[in-house]
C-alpha atoms as a PDB file:
ATOM      1  CA  MET A   1      20.297 -63.940 -46.013  1.00  0.00           C
ATOM      2  CA  LEU A   2      22.056 -60.765 -47.077  1.00  0.00           C
ATOM      3  CA  ARG A   3      18.715 -59.264 -47.968  1.00  0.00           C
ATOM      4  CA  ILE A   4      17.331 -59.972 -44.490  1.00  0.00           C
ATOM      5  CA  SER A   5      20.461 -58.561 -42.905  1.00  0.00           C
ATOM      6  CA  PHE A   6      19.981 -55.405 -44.917  1.00  0.00           C
ATOM      7  CA  ILE A   7      16.260 -55.016 -44.183  1.00  0.00           C
ATOM      8  CA  LEU A   8      16.332 -55.632 -40.413  1.00  0.00           C
ATOM      9  CA  PRO A   9      18.452 -52.545 -39.591  1.00  0.00           C
ATOM     10  CA  LEU A  10      16.094 -50.462 -41.695  1.00  0.00           C
ATOM     11  CA  VAL A  11      13.116 -51.822 -39.775  1.00  0.00           C
ATOM     12  CA  PHE A  12      14.744 -51.044 -36.435  1.00  0.00           C
ATOM     13  CA  LEU A  13      15.785 -47.599 -37.648  1.00  0.00           C
ATOM     14  CA  PHE A  14      12.280 -46.845 -38.873  1.00  0.00           C
ATOM     15  CA  THR A  15      10.795 -48.058 -35.580  1.00  0.00           C
ATOM     16  CA  PHE A  16      13.243 -45.927 -33.601  1.00  0.00           C
ATOM     17  CA  LEU A  17      12.585 -42.839 -35.680  1.00  0.00           C
ATOM     18  CA  TYR A  18       8.837 -43.366 -35.614  1.00  0.00           C
ATOM     19  CA  GLY A  19       8.868 -43.883 -31.862  1.00  0.00           C
ATOM     20  CA  GLN A  20      10.986 -40.778 -31.362  1.00  0.00           C
ATOM     21  CA  SER A  21       8.679 -38.591 -33.431  1.00  0.00           C
ATOM     22  CA  GLU A  22       5.688 -39.949 -31.511  1.00  0.00           C
ATOM     23  CA  THR A  23       7.382 -39.004 -28.234  1.00  0.00           C
ATOM     24  CA  GLU A  24       8.224 -35.593 -29.582  1.00  0.00           C
ATOM     25  CA  LYS A  25       4.644 -35.180 -30.667  1.00  0.00           C
ATOM     26  CA  LEU A  26       3.346 -36.015 -27.190  1.00  0.00           C
ATOM     27  CA  LEU A  27       5.948 -33.734 -25.646  1.00  0.00           C
ATOM     28  CA  LYS A  28       4.920 -30.824 -27.824  1.00  0.00           C
ATOM     29  CA  GLN A  29       1.253 -31.476 -27.111  1.00  0.00           C
ATOM     30  CA  SER A  30       1.936 -31.448 -23.370  1.00  0.00           C
ATOM     31  CA  GLU A  31       3.992 -28.273 -23.598  1.00  0.00           C
ATOM     32  CA  SER A  32       1.273 -26.607 -25.648  1.00  0.00           C
ATOM     33  CA  ARG A  33      -1.378 -27.666 -23.145  1.00  0.00           C
ATOM     34  CA  LEU A  34       0.731 -26.367 -20.274  1.00  0.00           C
ATOM     35  CA  GLN A  35       1.133 -23.012 -22.000  1.00  0.00           C
ATOM     36  CA  GLN A  36      -2.617 -22.835 -22.563  1.00  0.00           C
ATOM     37  CA  LEU A  37      -3.181 -23.467 -18.861  1.00  0.00           C
ATOM     38  CA  LYS A  38      -0.646 -20.782 -17.961  1.00  0.00           C
ATOM     39  CA  ASP A  39      -2.335 -18.336 -20.322  1.00  0.00           C
ATOM     40  CA  SER A  40      -5.729 -19.181 -18.840  1.00  0.00           C
ATOM     41  CA  GLN A  41      -4.354 -18.781 -15.329  1.00  0.00           C
ATOM     42  CA  GLU A  42      -2.907 -15.388 -16.232  1.00  0.00           C
ATOM     43  CA  VAL A  43      -6.275 -14.240 -17.577  1.00  0.00           C
ATOM     44  CA  ILE A  44      -8.065 -15.455 -14.443  1.00  0.00           C
ATOM     45  CA  LEU A  45      -5.514 -13.840 -12.116  1.00  0.00           C
ATOM     46  CA  LYS A  46      -5.771 -10.552 -13.992  1.00  0.00           C
ATOM     47  CA  SER A  47      -9.555 -10.649 -13.793  1.00  0.00           C
ATOM     48  CA  LEU A  48      -9.333 -11.435 -10.074  1.00  0.00           C
ATOM     49  CA  GLU A  49      -6.944  -8.526  -9.528  1.00  0.00           C
ATOM     50  CA  ASN A  50      -9.285  -6.148 -11.352  1.00  0.00           C
ATOM     51  CA  LEU A  51     -12.253  -7.320  -9.278  1.00  0.00           C
ATOM     52  CA  LYS A  52     -10.317  -6.844  -6.042  1.00  0.00           C
ATOM     53  CA  LEU A  53      -9.273  -3.338  -7.075  1.00  0.00           C
ATOM     54  CA  LYS A  54     -12.872  -2.494  -7.939  1.00  0.00           C
ATOM     55  CA  TRP A  55     -14.025  -3.873  -4.581  1.00  0.00           C
ATOM     56  CA  ILE A  56     -11.388  -1.824  -2.740  1.00  0.00           C
ATOM     57  CA  GLN A  57     -12.623   1.398  -4.320  1.00  0.00           C
ATOM     58  CA  GLU A  58     -16.218   0.498  -3.460  1.00  0.00           C
ATOM     59  CA  GLN A  59     -15.243  -0.125   0.167  1.00  0.00           C
ATOM     60  CA  ILE A  60     -13.183   3.060   0.446  1.00  0.00           C
ATOM     61  CA  LYS A  61     -16.014   5.186  -0.927  1.00  0.00           C
ATOM     62  CA  LYS A  62     -18.566   3.451   1.285  1.00  0.00           C
ATOM     63  CA  TRP A  63     -16.707   3.549   4.605  1.00  0.00           C
ATOM     64  CA  ALA A  64     -13.325   5.244   4.668  1.00  0.00           C
ATOM     65  CA  LEU A  65     -13.223   8.568   2.806  1.00  0.00           C
ATOM     66  CA  PRO A  66     -12.526  11.362   5.301  1.00  0.00           C
ATOM     67  CA  GLU A  67     -14.847  14.345   5.270  1.00  0.00           C
ATOM     68  CA  ILE A  68     -13.967  16.977   2.655  1.00  0.00           C
ATOM     69  CA  ASN A  69     -13.625  20.067   4.843  1.00  0.00           C
ATOM     70  CA  ARG A  70     -10.982  22.151   3.040  1.00  0.00           C
ATOM     71  CA  ASP A  71      -9.831  23.108  -0.443  1.00  0.00           C
ATOM     72  CA  GLY A  72      -8.373  20.421  -2.651  1.00  0.00           C
ATOM     73  CA  PHE A  73      -8.926  17.874  -5.399  1.00  0.00           C
ATOM     74  CA  LEU A  74     -10.305  14.384  -4.766  1.00  0.00           C
ATOM     75  CA  VAL A  75      -8.612  11.729  -6.908  1.00  0.00           C
ATOM     76  CA  HIS A  76      -9.377   8.009  -7.082  1.00  0.00           C
ATOM     77  CA  HIS A  77      -6.742   5.520  -8.198  1.00  0.00           C
ATOM     78  CA  SER A  78      -6.966   1.740  -8.459  1.00  0.00           C
ATOM     79  CA  ALA A  79      -6.345   0.951  -4.791  1.00  0.00           C
ATOM     80  CA  MET A  80      -6.128   4.334  -3.087  1.00  0.00           C
ATOM     81  CA  SER A  81      -7.926   7.662  -2.994  1.00  0.00           C
ATOM     82  CA  LEU A  82      -6.383  10.987  -2.061  1.00  0.00           C
ATOM     83  CA  PHE A  83      -7.323  14.595  -1.458  1.00  0.00           C
ATOM     84  CA  TYR A  84      -4.679  16.827  -3.001  1.00  0.00           C
ATOM     85  CA  SER A  85      -3.798  20.246  -1.604  1.00  0.00           C
ATOM     86  CA  PRO A  86      -2.611  22.818  -4.172  1.00  0.00           C
ATOM     87  CA  GLU A  87      -1.532  25.016  -1.266  1.00  0.00           C
ATOM     88  CA  HIS A  88       0.853  22.417   0.164  1.00  0.00           C
ATOM     89  CA  GLU A  89       1.662  20.535  -3.096  1.00  0.00           C
ATOM     90  CA  GLN A  90       0.838  17.157  -1.564  1.00  0.00           C
ATOM     91  CA  ALA A  91      -2.166  15.228  -0.323  1.00  0.00           C
ATOM     92  CA  TRP A  92      -4.079  16.246   2.759  1.00  0.00           C
ATOM     93  CA  TRP A  93      -4.598  12.533   3.134  1.00  0.00           C
ATOM     94  CA  VAL A  94      -4.317   9.243   1.261  1.00  0.00           C
ATOM     95  CA  VAL A  95      -6.675   6.393   2.112  1.00  0.00           C
ATOM     96  CA  HIS A  96      -6.089   2.797   1.076  1.00  0.00           C
ATOM     97  CA  MET A  97      -6.800  -0.768   2.127  1.00  0.00           C
ATOM     98  CA  ILE A  98      -4.293  -3.433   3.079  1.00  0.00           C
ATOM     99  CA  LEU A  99      -5.484  -6.901   2.076  1.00  0.00           C
ATOM    100  CA  PRO A 100      -4.314 -10.237   3.528  1.00  0.00           C
ATOM    101  CA  ASP A 101      -3.122 -10.936  -0.037  1.00  0.00           C
ATOM    102  CA  ILE A 102       0.123  -9.154   0.870  1.00  0.00           C
ATOM    103  CA  LYS A 103       1.200 -12.350   2.632  1.00  0.00           C
ATOM    104  CA  TYR A 104       1.718 -14.004  -0.740  1.00  0.00           C
ATOM    105  CA  GLY A 105       2.385 -10.918  -2.858  1.00  0.00           C
ATOM    106  CA  VAL A 106       5.489 -11.098  -5.029  1.00  0.00           C
ATOM    107  CA  GLN A 107       5.565  -7.675  -6.683  1.00  0.00           C
ATOM    108  CA  GLY A 108       8.729  -5.707  -5.904  1.00  0.00           C
ATOM    109  CA  ARG A 109       9.591  -2.016  -5.908  1.00  0.00           C
ATOM    110  CA  THR A 110       9.138  -0.347  -9.286  1.00  0.00           C
ATOM    111  CA  ASN A 111      10.672   3.048  -8.435  1.00  0.00           C
ATOM    112  CA  ASP A 112       8.706   4.545 -11.327  1.00  0.00           C
ATOM    113  CA  PHE A 113       8.203   7.903  -9.617  1.00  0.00           C
ATOM    114  CA  ARG A 114       6.105  10.181 -11.820  1.00  0.00           C
ATOM    115  CA  PRO A 115       3.639  13.090 -11.657  1.00  0.00           C
ATOM    116  CA  ASP A 116      -0.018  12.241 -11.186  1.00  0.00           C
ATOM    117  CA  SER A 117      -1.877  12.995 -14.407  1.00  0.00           C
ATOM    118  CA  LEU A 118      -5.227  12.862 -12.587  1.00  0.00           C
ATOM    119  CA  VAL A 119      -4.302  15.920 -10.536  1.00  0.00           C
ATOM    120  CA  LYS A 120      -5.152  18.516 -13.169  1.00  0.00           C
ATOM    121  CA  ILE A 121      -3.267  21.368 -11.498  1.00  0.00           C
ATOM    122  CA  GLY A 122      -0.087  19.305 -11.570  1.00  0.00           C
ATOM    123  CA  THR A 123       1.995  17.719  -8.832  1.00  0.00           C
ATOM    124  CA  ALA A 124       5.581  17.806  -7.666  1.00  0.00           C
ATOM    125  CA  ASP A 125       8.243  15.905  -9.602  1.00  0.00           C
ATOM    126  CA  LYS A 126      11.735  14.561  -8.987  1.00  0.00           C
ATOM    127  CA  ASN A 127      13.412  17.956  -9.443  1.00  0.00           C
ATOM    128  CA  ASP A 128      11.465  19.301  -6.468  1.00  0.00           C
ATOM    129  CA  TYR A 129      13.123  16.762  -4.176  1.00  0.00           C
ATOM    130  CA  LEU A 130      16.678  16.771  -5.557  1.00  0.00           C
ATOM    131  CA  MET A 131      19.367  17.918  -3.117  1.00  0.00           C
ATOM    132  CA  THR A 132      16.818  18.880  -0.458  1.00  0.00           C
ATOM    133  CA  GLY A 133      17.826  16.371   2.197  1.00  0.00           C
ATOM    134  CA  TYR A 134      14.304  14.927   2.223  1.00  0.00           C
ATOM    135  CA  ASP A 135      13.095  11.539   1.034  1.00  0.00           C
ATOM    136  CA  ARG A 136      10.133  11.109  -1.251  1.00  0.00           C
ATOM    137  CA  GLY A 137       8.106   9.539   1.509  1.00  0.00           C
ATOM    138  CA  HIS A 138       5.231   7.287   0.489  1.00  0.00           C
ATOM    139  CA  LEU A 139       1.999   8.054   2.300  1.00  0.00           C
ATOM    140  CA  ALA A 140       0.414   4.785   1.158  1.00  0.00           C
ATOM    141  CA  PRO A 141       3.484   2.484   1.167  1.00  0.00           C
ATOM    142  CA  SER A 142       4.295   0.473  -1.931  1.00  0.00           C
ATOM    143  CA  ALA A 143       4.729  -2.757   0.063  1.00  0.00           C
ATOM    144  CA  ASP A 144       1.042  -2.603   1.019  1.00  0.00           C
ATOM    145  CA  PHE A 145       0.240  -3.300  -2.648  1.00  0.00           C
ATOM    146  CA  ARG A 146       2.721  -6.073  -3.420  1.00  0.00           C
ATOM    147  CA  TRP A 147      -0.141  -8.317  -4.545  1.00  0.00           C
ATOM    148  CA  SER A 148      -1.006  -5.960  -7.451  1.00  0.00           C
ATOM    149  CA  LYS A 149       1.482  -4.671 -10.014  1.00  0.00           C
ATOM    150  CA  ARG A 150      -0.846  -1.857 -11.065  1.00  0.00           C
ATOM    151  CA  ALA A 151      -1.619  -0.651  -7.549  1.00  0.00           C
ATOM    152  CA  LEU A 152       2.026  -0.874  -6.503  1.00  0.00           C
ATOM    153  CA  SER A 153       3.105   1.209  -9.494  1.00  0.00           C
ATOM    154  CA  GLU A 154       0.501   3.865  -8.704  1.00  0.00           C
ATOM    155  CA  SER A 155       1.952   4.219  -5.211  1.00  0.00           C
ATOM    156  CA  TYR A 156       4.940   5.931  -6.867  1.00  0.00           C
ATOM    157  CA  LEU A 157       2.841   8.850  -8.083  1.00  0.00           C
ATOM    158  CA  TYR A 158       4.068  12.154  -6.667  1.00  0.00           C
ATOM    159  CA  SER A 159       0.585  12.819  -5.310  1.00  0.00           C
ATOM    160  CA  ASN A 160       1.365  10.007  -2.844  1.00  0.00           C
ATOM    161  CA  MET A 161       4.671  11.593  -1.767  1.00  0.00           C
ATOM    162  CA  SER A 162       5.509  13.925   1.080  1.00  0.00           C
ATOM    163  CA  PRO A 163       8.940  15.219   2.172  1.00  0.00           C
ATOM    164  CA  GLN A 164      10.145  13.034   5.022  1.00  0.00           C
ATOM    165  CA  ARG A 165      13.452  13.148   6.807  1.00  0.00           C
ATOM    166  CA  PRO A 166      15.491   9.990   6.082  1.00  0.00           C
ATOM    167  CA  GLU A 167      15.684   9.217   9.798  1.00  0.00           C
ATOM    168  CA  LEU A 168      11.883   8.991   9.818  1.00  0.00           C
ATOM    169  CA  ASN A 169      11.163   7.453   6.430  1.00  0.00           C
ATOM    170  CA  ARG A 170      13.823   4.753   6.589  1.00  0.00           C
ATOM    171  CA  GLU A 171      13.525   3.951  10.262  1.00  0.00           C
ATOM    172  CA  LYS A 172      10.577   4.323  12.632  1.00  0.00           C
ATOM    173  CA  TRP A 173       8.037   5.143   9.903  1.00  0.00           C
ATOM    174  CA  ALA A 174       9.065   1.999   8.024  1.00  0.00           C
ATOM    175  CA  ASP A 175       8.700   0.072  11.290  1.00  0.00           C
ATOM    176  CA  LEU A 176       5.183   1.459  11.692  1.00  0.00           C
ATOM    177  CA  GLU A 177       4.234   0.432   8.158  1.00  0.00           C
ATOM    178  CA  ASP A 178       5.525  -3.074   8.823  1.00  0.00           C
ATOM    179  CA  PHE A 179       3.744  -3.185  12.196  1.00  0.00           C
ATOM    180  CA  ILE A 180       0.426  -2.554  10.430  1.00  0.00           C
ATOM    181  CA  ARG A 181       1.138  -5.113   7.698  1.00  0.00           C
ATOM    182  CA  GLN A 182       2.024  -7.745  10.282  1.00  0.00           C
ATOM    183  CA  TYR A 183      -1.356  -7.217  11.915  1.00  0.00           C
ATOM    184  CA  VAL A 184      -3.099  -7.858   8.582  1.00  0.00           C
ATOM    185  CA  ILE A 185      -1.058 -11.001   7.975  1.00  0.00           C
ATOM    186  CA  SER A 186      -1.614 -12.280  11.518  1.00  0.00           C
ATOM    187  CA  ALA A 187      -5.321 -11.444  11.751  1.00  0.00           C
ATOM    188  CA  GLY A 188      -6.116 -12.303   8.145  1.00  0.00           C
ATOM    189  CA  GLU A 189      -8.356  -9.242   7.940  1.00  0.00           C
ATOM    190  CA  PRO A 190      -8.199  -6.165   5.685  1.00  0.00           C
ATOM    191  CA  LEU A 191      -7.563  -2.741   7.158  1.00  0.00           C
ATOM    192  CA  PHE A 192      -8.455   0.793   6.161  1.00  0.00           C
ATOM    193  CA  VAL A 193      -5.503   3.157   6.546  1.00  0.00           C
ATOM    194  CA  VAL A 194      -5.491   6.949   6.178  1.00  0.00           C
ATOM    195  CA  THR A 195      -2.113   8.695   6.095  1.00  0.00           C
ATOM    196  CA  GLY A 196      -0.851  12.238   5.755  1.00  0.00           C
ATOM    197  CA  GLY A 197       1.361  14.978   7.031  1.00  0.00           C
ATOM    198  CA  VAL A 198      -0.002  17.465   9.542  1.00  0.00           C
ATOM    199  CA  LEU A 199      -0.409  20.392   7.143  1.00  0.00           C
ATOM    200  CA  LYS A 200      -0.618  23.858   8.622  1.00  0.00           C
ATOM    201  CA  ASP A 201       0.297  27.437   7.753  1.00  0.00           C
ATOM    202  CA  SER A 202       3.867  28.698   8.208  1.00  0.00           C
ATOM    203  CA  LEU A 203       5.582  25.394   7.474  1.00  0.00           C
ATOM    204  CA  LYS A 204       8.978  25.216   5.807  1.00  0.00           C
ATOM    205  CA  HIS A 205       8.843  24.744   2.021  1.00  0.00           C
ATOM    206  CA  ILE A 206      11.038  22.957  -0.511  1.00  0.00           C
ATOM    207  CA  GLY A 207      10.936  22.477  -4.277  1.00  0.00           C
ATOM    208  CA  ILE A 208      11.877  24.499  -7.313  1.00  0.00           C
ATOM    209  CA  ASP A 209       9.056  26.957  -6.657  1.00  0.00           C
ATOM    210  CA  LYS A 210       9.168  26.436  -2.877  1.00  0.00           C
ATOM    211  CA  LYS A 211       5.600  25.133  -2.889  1.00  0.00           C
ATOM    212  CA  ILE A 212       5.998  21.798  -1.086  1.00  0.00           C
ATOM    213  CA  SER A 213       5.221  22.135   2.606  1.00  0.00           C
ATOM    214  CA  VAL A 214       7.388  20.117   4.988  1.00  0.00           C
ATOM    215  CA  PRO A 215       5.204  18.689   7.775  1.00  0.00           C
ATOM    216  CA  LYS A 216       6.587  18.616  11.303  1.00  0.00           C
ATOM    217  CA  TYR A 217       4.478  15.562  12.100  1.00  0.00           C
ATOM    218  CA  TYR A 218       2.942  12.637  10.227  1.00  0.00           C
ATOM    219  CA  TYR A 219      -0.065  10.547  11.167  1.00  0.00           C
ATOM    220  CA  LYS A 220      -1.755   7.279  10.340  1.00  0.00           C
ATOM    221  CA  VAL A 221      -5.234   6.231  11.377  1.00  0.00           C
ATOM    222  CA  VAL A 222      -6.196   2.588  11.050  1.00  0.00           C
ATOM    223  CA  ALA A 223      -9.559   0.828  11.252  1.00  0.00           C
ATOM    224  CA  ASP A 224     -10.415  -2.854  11.328  1.00  0.00           C
ATOM    225  CA  LEU A 225     -14.105  -3.043  10.449  1.00  0.00           C
ATOM    226  CA  GLU A 226     -14.286  -6.835  10.066  1.00  0.00           C
ATOM    227  CA  GLY A 227     -16.247  -9.115  12.364  1.00  0.00           C
ATOM    228  CA  ASP A 228     -17.575  -8.241  15.802  1.00  0.00           C
ATOM    229  CA  GLN A 229     -14.352  -6.751  17.195  1.00  0.00           C
ATOM    230  CA  LYS A 230     -14.273  -3.549  15.183  1.00  0.00           C
ATOM    231  CA  LYS A 231     -11.560  -1.189  16.346  1.00  0.00           C
ATOM    232  CA  GLY A 232      -9.423   1.784  15.438  1.00  0.00           C
ATOM    233  CA  ILE A 233      -6.075   3.310  16.338  1.00  0.00           C
ATOM    234  CA  GLY A 234      -3.946   6.295  15.384  1.00  0.00           C
ATOM    235  CA  PHE A 235      -0.226   7.048  15.275  1.00  0.00           C
ATOM    236  CA  ILE A 236       1.654  10.354  15.265  1.00  0.00           C
ATOM    237  CA  MET A 237       5.400  10.687  14.632  1.00  0.00           C
ATOM    238  CA  ARG A 238       7.814  13.573  14.331  1.00  0.00           C
ATOM    239  CA  ASN A 239       9.367  14.252  10.942  1.00  0.00           C
ATOM    240  CA  GLY A 240      12.774  13.354  12.307  1.00  0.00           C
ATOM    241  CA  VAL A 241      14.262  10.965  14.833  1.00  0.00           C
ATOM    242  CA  ASN A 242      11.748   8.890  16.803  1.00  0.00           C
ATOM    243  CA  THR A 243      13.530   6.776  19.383  1.00  0.00           C
ATOM    244  CA  TYR A 244      10.761   4.877  21.162  1.00  0.00           C
ATOM    245  CA  PRO A 245       9.064   1.619  20.097  1.00  0.00           C
ATOM    246  CA  VAL A 246       6.326   2.000  17.476  1.00  0.00           C
ATOM    247  CA  VAL A 247       3.558   1.380  20.006  1.00  0.00           C
ATOM    248  CA  SER A 248       4.710   4.402  22.014  1.00  0.00           C
ATOM    249  CA  TYR A 249       3.410   6.638  19.216  1.00  0.00           C
ATOM    250  CA  ALA A 250      -0.091   5.160  19.331  1.00  0.00           C
ATOM    251  CA  VAL A 251      -2.962   7.543  20.073  1.00  0.00           C
ATOM    252  CA  SER A 252      -6.714   7.563  19.645  1.00  0.00           C
ATOM    253  CA  ILE A 253      -8.141   8.566  16.276  1.00  0.00           C
ATOM    254  CA  ASP A 254      -9.867  11.446  18.068  1.00  0.00           C
ATOM    255  CA  SER A 255      -6.405  12.735  19.021  1.00  0.00           C
ATOM    256  CA  VAL A 256      -5.333  12.726  15.374  1.00  0.00           C
ATOM    257  CA  GLU A 257      -8.517  14.568  14.429  1.00  0.00           C
ATOM    258  CA  ALA A 258      -7.829  17.197  17.090  1.00  0.00           C
ATOM    259  CA  LEU A 259      -4.298  17.714  15.764  1.00  0.00           C
ATOM    260  CA  THR A 260      -5.182  17.810  12.051  1.00  0.00           C
ATOM    261  CA  GLY A 261      -8.711  19.225  11.987  1.00  0.00           C
ATOM    262  CA  LEU A 262      -9.757  16.292   9.798  1.00  0.00           C
ATOM    263  CA  ASN A 263     -12.791  14.067  10.294  1.00  0.00           C
ATOM    264  CA  PHE A 264     -12.048  10.395   9.686  1.00  0.00           C
ATOM    265  CA  PHE A 265     -14.568   7.573   9.236  1.00  0.00           C
ATOM    266  CA  HIS A 266     -17.522   9.961   9.329  1.00  0.00           C
ATOM    267  CA  LEU A 267     -19.415   7.607   7.002  1.00  0.00           C
ATOM    268  CA  LEU A 268     -19.750   5.023   9.763  1.00  0.00           C
ATOM    269  CA  ASP A 269     -22.698   4.807  12.121  1.00  0.00           C
ATOM    270  CA  ASP A 270     -22.172   7.463  14.801  1.00  0.00           C
ATOM    271  CA  THR A 271     -22.082   4.928  17.616  1.00  0.00           C
ATOM    272  CA  LEU A 272     -19.457   2.807  15.887  1.00  0.00           C
ATOM    273  CA  GLU A 273     -17.447   5.853  14.847  1.00  0.00           C
ATOM    274  CA  ASN A 274     -17.334   7.148  18.407  1.00  0.00           C
ATOM    275  CA  ARG A 275     -16.355   3.748  19.765  1.00  0.00           C
ATOM    276  CA  ILE A 276     -13.403   3.112  17.448  1.00  0.00           C
ATOM    277  CA  GLU A 277     -12.163   6.712  17.535  1.00  0.00           C
ATOM    278  CA  SER A 278     -12.411   7.654  21.203  1.00  0.00           C
ATOM    279  CA  SER A 279     -10.058   5.033  22.606  1.00  0.00           C
ATOM    280  CA  PHE A 280      -7.780   2.167  21.645  1.00  0.00           C
ATOM    281  CA  ASP A 281      -6.371  -1.013  23.144  1.00  0.00           C
ATOM    282  CA  ILE A 282      -2.803  -1.463  21.965  1.00  0.00           C
ATOM    283  CA  SER A 283      -2.811  -5.122  23.023  1.00  0.00           C
ATOM    284  CA  ALA A 284      -5.464  -5.806  20.385  1.00  0.00           C
ATOM    285  CA  TRP A 285      -3.044  -4.642  17.699  1.00  0.00           C
ATOM    286  CA  TYR A 286       0.263  -5.814  19.016  1.00  0.00           C
ATOM    287  CA  SER A 287       0.711  -9.270  20.466  1.00  0.00           C
ATOM    288  CA  GLU A 288       4.084 -10.632  19.361  1.00  0.00           C
ATOM    289  CA  LYS A 289       6.329  -8.408  21.504  1.00  0.00           C
ATOM    290  CA  GLU A 290       5.981  -6.387  24.651  1.00  0.00           C
ATOM    291  CA  ALA A 291       4.853  -2.832  24.135  1.00  0.00           C
ATOM    292  CA  GLY A 292       7.636  -1.567  26.391  1.00  0.00           C
ATOM    293  CA  SER A 293       7.481   0.614  29.438  1.00  0.00           C
ATOM    294  CA  VAL A 294       6.899   3.907  27.639  1.00  0.00           C
ATOM    295  CA  LYS A 295       3.288   4.997  27.640  1.00  0.00           C
ATOM    296  CA  PRO A 296       1.756   6.250  24.367  1.00  0.00           C
ATOM    297  CA  MET A 297       2.381   9.964  23.920  1.00  0.00           C
ATOM    298  CA  GLU A 298      -0.434  12.443  23.489  1.00  0.00           C
ATOM    299  CA  PRO A 299      -0.106  15.058  20.695  1.00  0.00           C
ATOM    300  CA  GLU A 300       0.375  17.871  23.212  1.00  0.00           C
ATOM    301  CA  GLU A 301       3.416  16.019  24.595  1.00  0.00           C
ATOM    302  CA  MET A 302       5.035  16.023  21.165  1.00  0.00           C
END
């Protein structure tokens, strides 16, 4: 009887320990399998990101590169291309695409401002902007790339910067950038966007060597080339306070070309190019709020 009393606890203890180790084994197997799935997902997502970036560059080169009609250096990055002006120490223009992926993008600001090593003559750096009273204004905004860590980081290259007054960069210009993103999210269609300062002779200069021109105006031209309802629109804003609603700064792409001397979307069929550049319908771009009572301003009124 004593022997049985001694053995039974050992049997129960062995069963408990064996059962526990079996559970632990299954738990570890499940955790290992989950990690494998996460690793596989990460590989697939990275491959998908790379394919999207490759596709973006193909689309930009096929449809959206402005005509090269002045001195500069053409540079292609993962999700944007730019034409850099050594005379003005900034890009004549930066062209990029905004994808509907931004709706679910989770990448945040990196603030890793740095010179662009692909611009062989060199670019501005942080010392050129210190104590100047101007922001390092993104031409292609970082939030447009929040679906891609690599593309977002590249938006902080100094080749993508231009000196903007804080009252522009942090206010109406930011509203314009968000206005365009909201269209992409609402329509579910990608957009081509070309952005730059209006670079001319006799502009004010900042920087250690006083080489960075300070534009008086900035522009964006936007094209939706998806589906049957292809359309385009432009925007021009002062490098300072802009008090009217964003839509009040809307103009035709032809108006931006007249102001800048640039030729946008010249790779399109002439008929399509003329149609999307000669006029615009603001209601096709802006549907959530009223445009307001102020008519869009023409460049000569600015």
